[in-house]
Structure formats: structure tokens, C-alpha cells
């Protein structure tokens, strides 16, 4: 007997990884598991939204935006480290002008 991971378990894990308390994630997943009329297909909307959020969080442009924020922050060590990573990204991945031109 194989242990199949249901989509509800995936939703619960993603919600909890995003910071939602276990009790709230359990209630939402229980609601989504209930049979509902087709016109109230909130499950598809939530899954679609989660996929978009995950794709954005893992996208190169999001990473660059976050590194730019760190580079302009108060923590000088973090700023230097962020600039070094941005420089490496510019030369290794993008093979274009550095993505941090606005910093100097």
C-alpha cells in the first residue's frame, strides 16, 4: 500500500511554510476538501494564486529586487555581500551589464 500525497497535503504544507498556523491551515484545507458547487471553485483560484506566488518568489527578477533592497539597507556587511552576489549574477547568468549600476 503506497502512501499517496494528496493535493490537500500539499496545500497544507505550502500554507504552513508561508507562516500560517497549523490550525488555520487545517481549517482551510478541510474547507477545500468539502464538496462544493462548481461556481464556488475557490480551490482552483487559491492553487493558481499559490503557483503565481511561488513562481515569483523563485524568479530571478524577485531575487535581484530583494538583493537590491539589501544592498541599499543599513547593514553594511549585508550590503557588500548583496552587491557581490549581484555582480556574480550579472556576469555568470545574465552576461550583460551589472544589475546594480544604480549603486555605483
PDB file of N, CA and C in Angstrom:
ATOM      1  N   UNK A   1       0.846  -1.176   0.000  1.00  0.00           N
ATOM      2  CA  UNK A   1       0.000   0.000   0.000  1.00  0.00           C
ATOM      3  C   UNK A   1       0.892   1.240   0.000  1.00  0.00           C
ATOM      4  N   UNK A   2       0.803   2.053  -1.032  1.00  0.00           N
ATOM      5  CA  UNK A   2       1.649   3.240  -1.113  1.00  0.00           C
ATOM      6  C   UNK A   2       0.956   4.429  -0.469  1.00  0.00           C
ATOM      7  N   UNK A   3       1.763   5.285   0.105  1.00  0.00           N
ATOM      8  CA  UNK A   3       1.234   6.499   0.723  1.00  0.00           C
ATOM      9  C   UNK A   3       1.228   7.606  -0.328  1.00  0.00           C
ATOM     10  N   UNK A   4       0.051   7.864  -0.845  1.00  0.00           N
ATOM     11  CA  UNK A   4      -0.088   8.883  -1.881  1.00  0.00           C
ATOM     12  C   UNK A   4      -0.269  10.245  -1.220  1.00  0.00           C
ATOM     13  N   UNK A   5       0.480  11.229  -1.706  1.00  0.00           N
ATOM     14  CA  UNK A   5       0.348  12.583  -1.180  1.00  0.00           C
ATOM     15  C   UNK A   5      -0.789  13.267  -1.919  1.00  0.00           C
ATOM     16  N   UNK A   6      -1.798  13.671  -1.177  1.00  0.00           N
ATOM     17  CA  UNK A   6      -2.951  14.343  -1.768  1.00  0.00           C
ATOM     18  C   UNK A   6      -2.632  15.820  -1.959  1.00  0.00           C
ATOM     19  N   UNK A   7      -3.359  16.443  -2.868  1.00  0.00           N
ATOM     20  CA  UNK A   7      -3.145  17.868  -3.089  1.00  0.00           C
ATOM     21  C   UNK A   7      -3.447  18.655  -1.821  1.00  0.00           C
ATOM     22  N   UNK A   8      -4.368  18.177  -1.013  1.00  0.00           N
ATOM     23  CA  UNK A   8      -4.690  18.859   0.241  1.00  0.00           C
ATOM     24  C   UNK A   8      -3.467  18.902   1.160  1.00  0.00           C
ATOM     25  N   UNK A   9      -2.691  17.834   1.174  1.00  0.00           N
ATOM     26  CA  UNK A   9      -1.476  17.813   1.984  1.00  0.00           C
ATOM     27  C   UNK A   9      -0.456  18.821   1.448  1.00  0.00           C
ATOM     28  N   UNK A  10      -0.395  18.932   0.120  1.00  0.00           N
ATOM     29  CA  UNK A  10       0.490  19.933  -0.480  1.00  0.00           C
ATOM     30  C   UNK A  10       0.069  21.334  -0.077  1.00  0.00           C
ATOM     31  N   UNK A  11      -1.243  21.617  -0.145  1.00  0.00           N
ATOM     32  CA  UNK A  11      -1.738  22.943   0.227  1.00  0.00           C
ATOM     33  C   UNK A  11      -1.382  23.250   1.667  1.00  0.00           C
ATOM     34  N   UNK A  12      -1.624  22.293   2.542  1.00  0.00           N
ATOM     35  CA  UNK A  12      -1.341  22.489   3.968  1.00  0.00           C
ATOM     36  C   UNK A  12       0.142  22.802   4.175  1.00  0.00           C
ATOM     37  N   UNK A  13       1.003  22.049   3.518  1.00  0.00           N
ATOM     38  CA  UNK A  13       2.442  22.255   3.676  1.00  0.00           C
ATOM     39  C   UNK A  13       2.865  23.628   3.177  1.00  0.00           C
ATOM     40  N   UNK A  14       2.318  24.060   2.032  1.00  0.00           N
ATOM     41  CA  UNK A  14       2.670  25.366   1.478  1.00  0.00           C
ATOM     42  C   UNK A  14       2.169  26.482   2.384  1.00  0.00           C
ATOM     43  N   UNK A  15       0.948  26.348   2.884  1.00  0.00           N
ATOM     44  CA  UNK A  15       0.391  27.365   3.774  1.00  0.00           C
ATOM     45  C   UNK A  15       1.213  27.489   5.051  1.00  0.00           C
ATOM     46  N   UNK A  16       1.584  26.361   5.619  1.00  0.00           N
ATOM     47  CA  UNK A  16       2.371  26.384   6.850  1.00  0.00           C
ATOM     48  C   UNK A  16       3.780  26.899   6.595  1.00  0.00           C
ATOM     49  N   UNK A  17       4.355  26.558   5.442  1.00  0.00           N
ATOM     50  CA  UNK A  17       5.684  27.068   5.109  1.00  0.00           C
ATOM     51  C   UNK A  17       5.647  28.578   4.938  1.00  0.00           C
ATOM     52  N   UNK A  18       4.499  29.099   4.523  1.00  0.00           N
ATOM     53  CA  UNK A  18       4.341  30.536   4.359  1.00  0.00           C
ATOM     54  C   UNK A  18       4.048  31.261   5.657  1.00  0.00           C
ATOM     55  N   UNK A  19       3.943  30.527   6.762  1.00  0.00           N
ATOM     56  CA  UNK A  19       3.749  31.161   8.058  1.00  0.00           C
ATOM     57  C   UNK A  19       2.367  31.011   8.654  1.00  0.00           C
ATOM     58  N   UNK A  20       1.454  30.350   7.978  1.00  0.00           N
ATOM     59  CA  UNK A  20       0.102  30.173   8.515  1.00  0.00           C
ATOM     60  C   UNK A  20       0.146  29.152   9.643  1.00  0.00           C
ATOM     61  N   UNK A  21      -0.513  29.445  10.757  1.00  0.00           N
ATOM     62  CA  UNK A  21      -0.550  28.471  11.856  1.00  0.00           C
ATOM     63  C   UNK A  21      -1.208  27.171  11.402  1.00  0.00           C
ATOM     64  N   UNK A  22      -0.785  26.054  11.991  1.00  0.00           N
ATOM     65  CA  UNK A  22      -1.273  24.737  11.602  1.00  0.00           C
ATOM     66  C   UNK A  22      -2.794  24.645  11.707  1.00  0.00           C
ATOM     67  N   UNK A  23      -3.371  25.201  12.773  1.00  0.00           N
ATOM     68  CA  UNK A  23      -4.813  25.116  12.955  1.00  0.00           C
ATOM     69  C   UNK A  23      -5.558  25.814  11.817  1.00  0.00           C
ATOM     70  N   UNK A  24      -5.079  26.990  11.412  1.00  0.00           N
ATOM     71  CA  UNK A  24      -5.723  27.735  10.323  1.00  0.00           C
ATOM     72  C   UNK A  24      -5.564  26.983   9.002  1.00  0.00           C
ATOM     73  N   UNK A  25      -4.374  26.443   8.764  1.00  0.00           N
ATOM     74  CA  UNK A  25      -4.142  25.680   7.536  1.00  0.00           C
ATOM     75  C   UNK A  25      -5.045  24.450   7.501  1.00  0.00           C
ATOM     76  N   UNK A  26      -5.194  23.783   8.647  1.00  0.00           N
ATOM     77  CA  UNK A  26      -6.061  22.601   8.712  1.00  0.00           C
ATOM     78  C   UNK A  26      -7.512  22.967   8.396  1.00  0.00           C
ATOM     79  N   UNK A  27      -7.991  24.087   8.950  1.00  0.00           N
ATOM     80  CA  UNK A  27      -9.377  24.504   8.698  1.00  0.00           C
ATOM     81  C   UNK A  27      -9.587  24.855   7.231  1.00  0.00           C
ATOM     82  N   UNK A  28      -8.631  25.575   6.635  1.00  0.00           N
ATOM     83  CA  UNK A  28      -8.768  25.954   5.227  1.00  0.00           C
ATOM     84  C   UNK A  28      -8.746  24.722   4.331  1.00  0.00           C
ATOM     85  N   UNK A  29      -7.833  23.806   4.602  1.00  0.00           N
ATOM     86  CA  UNK A  29      -7.740  22.587   3.785  1.00  0.00           C
ATOM     87  C   UNK A  29      -8.992  21.736   3.955  1.00  0.00           C
ATOM     88  N   UNK A  30      -9.531  21.682   5.173  1.00  0.00           N
ATOM     89  CA  UNK A  30     -10.773  20.927   5.387  1.00  0.00           C
ATOM     90  C   UNK A  30     -11.909  21.555   4.586  1.00  0.00           C
ATOM     91  N   UNK A  31     -11.959  22.879   4.541  1.00  0.00           N
ATOM     92  CA  UNK A  31     -12.983  23.549   3.738  1.00  0.00           C
ATOM     93  C   UNK A  31     -12.797  23.225   2.258  1.00  0.00           C
ATOM     94  N   UNK A  32     -11.565  23.253   1.788  1.00  0.00           N
ATOM     95  CA  UNK A  32     -11.299  22.985   0.380  1.00  0.00           C
ATOM     96  C   UNK A  32     -11.613  21.546   0.004  1.00  0.00           C
ATOM     97  N   UNK A  33     -11.494  20.616   0.953  1.00  0.00           N
ATOM     98  CA  UNK A  33     -11.780  19.204   0.678  1.00  0.00           C
ATOM     99  C   UNK A  33     -13.273  18.907   0.589  1.00  0.00           C
ATOM    100  N   UNK A  34     -14.104  19.776   1.173  1.00  0.00           N
ATOM    101  CA  UNK A  34     -15.551  19.564   1.107  1.00  0.00           C
ATOM    102  C   UNK A  34     -16.042  19.714  -0.328  1.00  0.00           C
ATOM    103  N   UNK A  35     -17.084  18.945  -0.667  1.00  0.00           N
ATOM    104  CA  UNK A  35     -17.702  19.068  -1.985  1.00  0.00           C
ATOM    105  C   UNK A  35     -18.439  20.399  -2.055  1.00  0.00           C
ATOM    106  N   UNK A  36     -18.180  21.153  -3.110  1.00  0.00           N
ATOM    107  CA  UNK A  36     -18.809  22.451  -3.296  1.00  0.00           C
ATOM    108  C   UNK A  36     -19.342  22.543  -4.718  1.00  0.00           C
ATOM    109  N   UNK A  37     -20.323  23.392  -4.930  1.00  0.00           N
ATOM    110  CA  UNK A  37     -20.793  23.602  -6.307  1.00  0.00           C
ATOM    111  C   UNK A  37     -19.676  24.149  -7.184  1.00  0.00           C
ATOM    112  N   UNK A  38     -19.735  23.875  -8.462  1.00  0.00           N
ATOM    113  CA  UNK A  38     -18.691  24.269  -9.401  1.00  0.00           C
ATOM    114  C   UNK A  38     -18.493  25.778  -9.435  1.00  0.00           C
ATOM    115  N   UNK A  39     -19.571  26.556  -9.290  1.00  0.00           N
ATOM    116  CA  UNK A  39     -19.429  28.010  -9.384  1.00  0.00           C
ATOM    117  C   UNK A  39     -18.648  28.608  -8.212  1.00  0.00           C
ATOM    118  N   UNK A  40     -18.465  27.852  -7.135  1.00  0.00           N
ATOM    119  CA  UNK A  40     -17.678  28.314  -5.998  1.00  0.00           C
ATOM    120  C   UNK A  40     -16.322  27.614  -5.976  1.00  0.00           C
ATOM    121  N   UNK A  41     -15.641  27.611  -7.086  1.00  0.00           N
ATOM    122  CA  UNK A  41     -14.395  26.859  -7.184  1.00  0.00           C
ATOM    123  C   UNK A  41     -13.219  27.680  -6.661  1.00  0.00           C
ATOM    124  N   UNK A  42     -13.249  27.930  -5.351  1.00  0.00           N
ATOM    125  CA  UNK A  42     -12.191  28.719  -4.724  1.00  0.00           C
ATOM    126  C   UNK A  42     -10.877  27.941  -4.712  1.00  0.00           C
ATOM    127  N   UNK A  43     -10.963  26.627  -4.706  1.00  0.00           N
ATOM    128  CA  UNK A  43      -9.755  25.806  -4.682  1.00  0.00           C
ATOM    129  C   UNK A  43      -8.863  26.118  -5.888  1.00  0.00           C
ATOM    130  N   UNK A  44      -9.452  26.181  -7.070  1.00  0.00           N
ATOM    131  CA  UNK A  44      -8.664  26.480  -8.266  1.00  0.00           C
ATOM    132  C   UNK A  44      -8.056  27.868  -8.187  1.00  0.00           C
ATOM    133  N   UNK A  45      -8.818  28.812  -7.653  1.00  0.00           N
ATOM    134  CA  UNK A  45      -8.294  30.175  -7.519  1.00  0.00           C
ATOM    135  C   UNK A  45      -7.119  30.223  -6.547  1.00  0.00           C
ATOM    136  N   UNK A  46      -7.254  29.546  -5.409  1.00  0.00           N
ATOM    137  CA  UNK A  46      -6.172  29.539  -4.428  1.00  0.00           C
ATOM    138  C   UNK A  46      -4.923  28.845  -4.965  1.00  0.00           C
ATOM    139  N   UNK A  47      -5.113  27.717  -5.637  1.00  0.00           N
ATOM    140  CA  UNK A  47      -3.972  26.989  -6.198  1.00  0.00           C
ATOM    141  C   UNK A  47      -3.282  27.841  -7.250  1.00  0.00           C
ATOM    142  N   UNK A  48      -4.051  28.486  -8.095  1.00  0.00           N
ATOM    143  CA  UNK A  48      -3.478  29.351  -9.120  1.00  0.00           C
ATOM    144  C   UNK A  48      -2.685  30.481  -8.486  1.00  0.00           C
ATOM    145  N   UNK A  49      -3.241  31.101  -7.450  1.00  0.00           N
ATOM    146  CA  UNK A  49      -2.554  32.189  -6.766  1.00  0.00           C
ATOM    147  C   UNK A  49      -1.268  31.699  -6.105  1.00  0.00           C
ATOM    148  N   UNK A  50      -1.319  30.528  -5.470  1.00  0.00           N
ATOM    149  CA  UNK A  50      -0.121  29.977  -4.833  1.00  0.00           C
ATOM    150  C   UNK A  50       0.970  29.687  -5.861  1.00  0.00           C
ATOM    151  N   UNK A  51       0.581  29.174  -7.020  1.00  0.00           N
ATOM    152  CA  UNK A  51       1.558  28.896  -8.060  1.00  0.00           C
ATOM    153  C   UNK A  51       2.222  30.182  -8.542  1.00  0.00           C
ATOM    154  N   UNK A  52       1.443  31.217  -8.702  1.00  0.00           N
ATOM    155  CA  UNK A  52       1.999  32.508  -9.127  1.00  0.00           C
ATOM    156  C   UNK A  52       2.962  33.041  -8.069  1.00  0.00           C
ATOM    157  N   UNK A  53       2.569  32.960  -6.798  1.00  0.00           N
ATOM    158  CA  UNK A  53       3.433  33.442  -5.724  1.00  0.00           C
ATOM    159  C   UNK A  53       4.737  32.653  -5.664  1.00  0.00           C
ATOM    160  N   UNK A  54       4.651  31.337  -5.831  1.00  0.00           N
ATOM    161  CA  UNK A  54       5.866  30.518  -5.781  1.00  0.00           C
ATOM    162  C   UNK A  54       6.773  30.815  -6.971  1.00  0.00           C
ATOM    163  N   UNK A  55       6.180  30.978  -8.144  1.00  0.00           N
ATOM    164  CA  UNK A  55       6.985  31.288  -9.334  1.00  0.00           C
ATOM    165  C   UNK A  55       7.678  32.633  -9.170  1.00  0.00           C
ATOM    166  N   UNK A  56       6.959  33.615  -8.625  1.00  0.00           N
ATOM    167  CA  UNK A  56       7.571  34.929  -8.423  1.00  0.00           C
ATOM    168  C   UNK A  56       8.680  34.856  -7.387  1.00  0.00           C
ATOM    169  N   UNK A  57       8.436  34.116  -6.311  1.00  0.00           N
ATOM    170  CA  UNK A  57       9.431  34.021  -5.245  1.00  0.00           C
ATOM    171  C   UNK A  57      10.720  33.371  -5.726  1.00  0.00           C
ATOM    172  N   UNK A  58      10.614  32.492  -6.701  1.00  0.00           N
ATOM    173  CA  UNK A  58      11.790  31.795  -7.195  1.00  0.00           C
ATOM    174  C   UNK A  58      12.371  32.430  -8.459  1.00  0.00           C
ATOM    175  N   UNK A  59      11.744  33.480  -8.938  1.00  0.00           N
ATOM    176  CA  UNK A  59      12.199  34.079 -10.188  1.00  0.00           C
ATOM    177  C   UNK A  59      13.460  34.904  -9.967  1.00  0.00           C
ATOM    178  N   UNK A  60      14.231  35.005 -10.999  1.00  0.00           N
ATOM    179  CA  UNK A  60      15.478  35.769 -10.941  1.00  0.00           C
ATOM    180  C   UNK A  60      15.207  37.234 -10.655  1.00  0.00           C
ATOM    181  N   UNK A  61      14.148  37.785 -11.231  1.00  0.00           N
ATOM    182  CA  UNK A  61      13.877  39.207 -11.008  1.00  0.00           C
ATOM    183  C   UNK A  61      13.523  39.475  -9.548  1.00  0.00           C
ATOM    184  N   UNK A  62      12.802  38.548  -8.899  1.00  0.00           N
ATOM    185  CA  UNK A  62      12.480  38.726  -7.489  1.00  0.00           C
ATOM    186  C   UNK A  62      13.758  38.673  -6.657  1.00  0.00           C
ATOM    187  N   UNK A  63      14.630  37.726  -6.955  1.00  0.00           N
ATOM    188  CA  UNK A  63      15.888  37.599  -6.223  1.00  0.00           C
ATOM    189  C   UNK A  63      16.708  38.877  -6.365  1.00  0.00           C
ATOM    190  N   UNK A  64      16.774  39.404  -7.573  1.00  0.00           N
ATOM    191  CA  UNK A  64      17.536  40.630  -7.811  1.00  0.00           C
ATOM    192  C   UNK A  64      16.924  41.803  -7.048  1.00  0.00           C
ATOM    193  N   UNK A  65      15.592  41.917  -7.065  1.00  0.00           N
ATOM    194  CA  UNK A  65      14.930  43.000  -6.316  1.00  0.00           C
ATOM    195  C   UNK A  65      15.259  42.914  -4.836  1.00  0.00           C
ATOM    196  N   UNK A  66      15.205  41.701  -4.293  1.00  0.00           N
ATOM    197  CA  UNK A  66      15.488  41.537  -2.867  1.00  0.00           C
ATOM    198  C   UNK A  66      16.955  41.864  -2.552  1.00  0.00           C
ATOM    199  N   UNK A  67      17.856  41.439  -3.414  1.00  0.00           N
ATOM    200  CA  UNK A  67      19.272  41.755  -3.209  1.00  0.00           C
ATOM    201  C   UNK A  67      19.518  43.258  -3.304  1.00  0.00           C
ATOM    202  N   UNK A  68      18.823  43.933  -4.199  1.00  0.00           N
ATOM    203  CA  UNK A  68      18.954  45.400  -4.306  1.00  0.00           C
ATOM    204  C   UNK A  68      18.492  46.074  -3.022  1.00  0.00           C
ATOM    205  N   UNK A  69      17.390  45.590  -2.445  1.00  0.00           N
ATOM    206  CA  UNK A  69      16.914  46.151  -1.173  1.00  0.00           C
ATOM    207  C   UNK A  69      17.970  45.991  -0.085  1.00  0.00           C
ATOM    208  N   UNK A  70      18.565  44.807  -0.041  1.00  0.00           N
ATOM    209  CA  UNK A  70      19.602  44.551   0.967  1.00  0.00           C
ATOM    210  C   UNK A  70      20.804  45.453   0.718  1.00  0.00           C
ATOM    211  N   UNK A  71      21.160  45.638  -0.552  1.00  0.00           N
ATOM    212  CA  UNK A  71      22.323  46.459  -0.902  1.00  0.00           C
ATOM    213  C   UNK A  71      22.146  47.919  -0.506  1.00  0.00           C
ATOM    214  N   UNK A  72      20.919  48.380  -0.418  1.00  0.00           N
ATOM    215  CA  UNK A  72      20.679  49.776  -0.032  1.00  0.00           C
ATOM    216  C   UNK A  72      20.301  49.906   1.435  1.00  0.00           C
ATOM    217  N   UNK A  73      20.357  48.805   2.165  1.00  0.00           N
ATOM    218  CA  UNK A  73      19.960  48.813   3.574  1.00  0.00           C
ATOM    219  C   UNK A  73      21.030  49.368   4.499  1.00  0.00           C
ATOM    220  N   UNK A  74      20.704  49.357   5.769  1.00  0.00           N
ATOM    221  CA  UNK A  74      21.571  49.903   6.808  1.00  0.00           C
ATOM    222  C   UNK A  74      22.760  48.988   7.142  1.00  0.00           C
ATOM    223  N   UNK A  75      22.578  47.693   7.009  1.00  0.00           N
ATOM    224  CA  UNK A  75      23.619  46.732   7.362  1.00  0.00           C
ATOM    225  C   UNK A  75      24.682  46.717   6.259  1.00  0.00           C
ATOM    226  N   UNK A  76      25.839  47.281   6.572  1.00  0.00           N
ATOM    227  CA  UNK A  76      26.891  47.440   5.561  1.00  0.00           C
ATOM    228  C   UNK A  76      27.470  46.095   5.117  1.00  0.00           C
ATOM    229  N   UNK A  77      27.623  45.157   6.033  1.00  0.00           N
ATOM    230  CA  UNK A  77      28.150  43.843   5.654  1.00  0.00           C
ATOM    231  C   UNK A  77      27.183  43.120   4.723  1.00  0.00           C
ATOM    232  N   UNK A  78      25.901  43.196   5.039  1.00  0.00           N
ATOM    233  CA  UNK A  78      24.899  42.573   4.183  1.00  0.00           C
ATOM    234  C   UNK A  78      24.858  43.264   2.827  1.00  0.00           C
ATOM    235  N   UNK A  79      25.029  44.583   2.822  1.00  0.00           N
ATOM    236  CA  UNK A  79      25.021  45.336   1.566  1.00  0.00           C
ATOM    237  C   UNK A  79      26.171  44.903   0.666  1.00  0.00           C
ATOM    238  N   UNK A  80      27.344  44.756   1.245  1.00  0.00           N
ATOM    239  CA  UNK A  80      28.507  44.330   0.459  1.00  0.00           C
ATOM    240  C   UNK A  80      28.296  42.922  -0.080  1.00  0.00           C
ATOM    241  N   UNK A  81      27.795  42.032   0.761  1.00  0.00           N
ATOM    242  CA  UNK A  81      27.539  40.658   0.320  1.00  0.00           C
ATOM    243  C   UNK A  81      26.490  40.630  -0.803  1.00  0.00           C
ATOM    244  N   UNK A  82      25.446  41.442  -0.675  1.00  0.00           N
ATOM    245  CA  UNK A  82      24.412  41.503  -1.710  1.00  0.00           C
ATOM    246  C   UNK A  82      24.989  42.027  -3.020  1.00  0.00           C
ATOM    247  N   UNK A  83      25.830  43.040  -2.939  1.00  0.00           N
ATOM    248  CA  UNK A  83      26.457  43.584  -4.148  1.00  0.00           C
ATOM    249  C   UNK A  83      27.359  42.550  -4.811  1.00  0.00           C
ATOM    250  N   UNK A  84      28.071  41.767  -4.014  1.00  0.00           N
ATOM    251  CA  UNK A  84      28.916  40.714  -4.583  1.00  0.00           C
ATOM    252  C   UNK A  84      28.070  39.670  -5.312  1.00  0.00           C
ATOM    253  N   UNK A  85      26.947  39.298  -4.725  1.00  0.00           N
ATOM    254  CA  UNK A  85      26.069  38.317  -5.364  1.00  0.00           C
ATOM    255  C   UNK A  85      25.474  38.902  -6.643  1.00  0.00           C
ATOM    256  N   UNK A  86      25.055  40.161  -6.589  1.00  0.00           N
ATOM    257  CA  UNK A  86      24.520  40.809  -7.791  1.00  0.00           C
ATOM    258  C   UNK A  86      25.560  40.849  -8.903  1.00  0.00           C
ATOM    259  N   UNK A  87      26.791  41.118  -8.531  1.00  0.00           N
ATOM    260  CA  UNK A  87      27.871  41.158  -9.519  1.00  0.00           C
ATOM    261  C   UNK A  87      28.049  39.779 -10.162  1.00  0.00           C
ATOM    262  N   UNK A  88      28.080  38.747  -9.328  1.00  0.00           N
ATOM    263  CA  UNK A  88      28.220  37.385  -9.864  1.00  0.00           C
ATOM    264  C   UNK A  88      27.051  37.026 -10.781  1.00  0.00           C
ATOM    265  N   UNK A  89      25.845  37.391 -10.359  1.00  0.00           N
ATOM    266  CA  UNK A  89      24.673  37.120 -11.201  1.00  0.00           C
ATOM    267  C   UNK A  89      24.790  37.824 -12.544  1.00  0.00           C
ATOM    268  N   UNK A  90      25.271  39.045 -12.507  1.00  0.00           N
ATOM    269  CA  UNK A  90      25.401  39.817 -13.750  1.00  0.00           C
ATOM    270  C   UNK A  90      26.350  39.135 -14.718  1.00  0.00           C
ATOM    271  N   UNK A  91      27.460  38.677 -14.214  1.00  0.00           N
ATOM    272  CA  UNK A  91      28.470  38.107 -15.090  1.00  0.00           C
ATOM    273  C   UNK A  91      28.227  36.648 -15.446  1.00  0.00           C
ATOM    274  N   UNK A  92      27.702  35.875 -14.519  1.00  0.00           N
ATOM    275  CA  UNK A  92      27.512  34.439 -14.773  1.00  0.00           C
ATOM    276  C   UNK A  92      26.204  34.101 -15.456  1.00  0.00           C
ATOM    277  N   UNK A  93      25.128  34.712 -15.003  1.00  0.00           N
ATOM    278  CA  UNK A  93      23.813  34.322 -15.513  1.00  0.00           C
ATOM    279  C   UNK A  93      23.321  35.206 -16.647  1.00  0.00           C
ATOM    280  N   UNK A  94      23.487  36.481 -16.481  1.00  0.00           N
ATOM    281  CA  UNK A  94      22.897  37.401 -17.437  1.00  0.00           C
ATOM    282  C   UNK A  94      23.825  37.746 -18.591  1.00  0.00           C
ATOM    283  N   UNK A  95      25.124  37.669 -18.347  1.00  0.00           N
ATOM    284  CA  UNK A  95      26.113  38.030 -19.361  1.00  0.00           C
ATOM    285  C   UNK A  95      25.771  39.387 -19.983  1.00  0.00           C
ATOM    286  N   UNK A  96      25.409  40.297 -19.099  1.00  0.00           N
ATOM    287  CA  UNK A  96      25.030  41.648 -19.521  1.00  0.00           C
ATOM    288  C   UNK A  96      25.681  42.649 -18.580  1.00  0.00           C
ATOM    289  N   UNK A  97      25.252  43.883 -18.661  1.00  0.00           N
ATOM    290  CA  UNK A  97      25.781  44.887 -17.749  1.00  0.00           C
ATOM    291  C   UNK A  97      25.360  44.534 -16.336  1.00  0.00           C
ATOM    292  N   UNK A  98      26.148  44.935 -15.354  1.00  0.00           N
ATOM    293  CA  UNK A  98      25.790  44.612 -13.969  1.00  0.00           C
ATOM    294  C   UNK A  98      24.400  45.128 -13.616  1.00  0.00           C
ATOM    295  N   UNK A  99      23.672  44.335 -12.824  1.00  0.00           N
ATOM    296  CA  UNK A  99      22.317  44.696 -12.445  1.00  0.00           C
ATOM    297  C   UNK A  99      22.292  45.754 -11.350  1.00  0.00           C
ATOM    298  N   UNK A 100      23.456  46.145 -10.843  1.00  0.00           N
ATOM    299  CA  UNK A 100      23.492  47.122  -9.766  1.00  0.00           C
ATOM    300  C   UNK A 100      24.118  48.432 -10.219  1.00  0.00           C
ATOM    301  N   UNK A 101      24.012  48.771 -11.486  1.00  0.00           N
ATOM    302  CA  UNK A 101      24.595  50.006 -11.997  1.00  0.00           C
ATOM    303  C   UNK A 101      24.181  51.234 -11.210  1.00  0.00           C
ATOM    304  N   UNK A 102      22.964  51.249 -10.693  1.00  0.00           N
ATOM    305  CA  UNK A 102      22.482  52.424  -9.985  1.00  0.00           C
ATOM    306  C   UNK A 102      23.218  52.653  -8.671  1.00  0.00           C
ATOM    307  N   UNK A 103      24.020  51.684  -8.214  1.00  0.00           N
ATOM    308  CA  UNK A 103      24.734  51.829  -6.947  1.00  0.00           C
ATOM    309  C   UNK A 103      26.166  52.321  -7.135  1.00  0.00           C
ATOM    310  N   UNK A 104      26.594  52.462  -8.348  1.00  0.00           N
ATOM    311  CA  UNK A 104      27.949  52.982  -8.483  1.00  0.00           C
ATOM    312  C   UNK A 104      28.759  52.368  -9.554  1.00  0.00           C
TER     313      UNK A 104
END
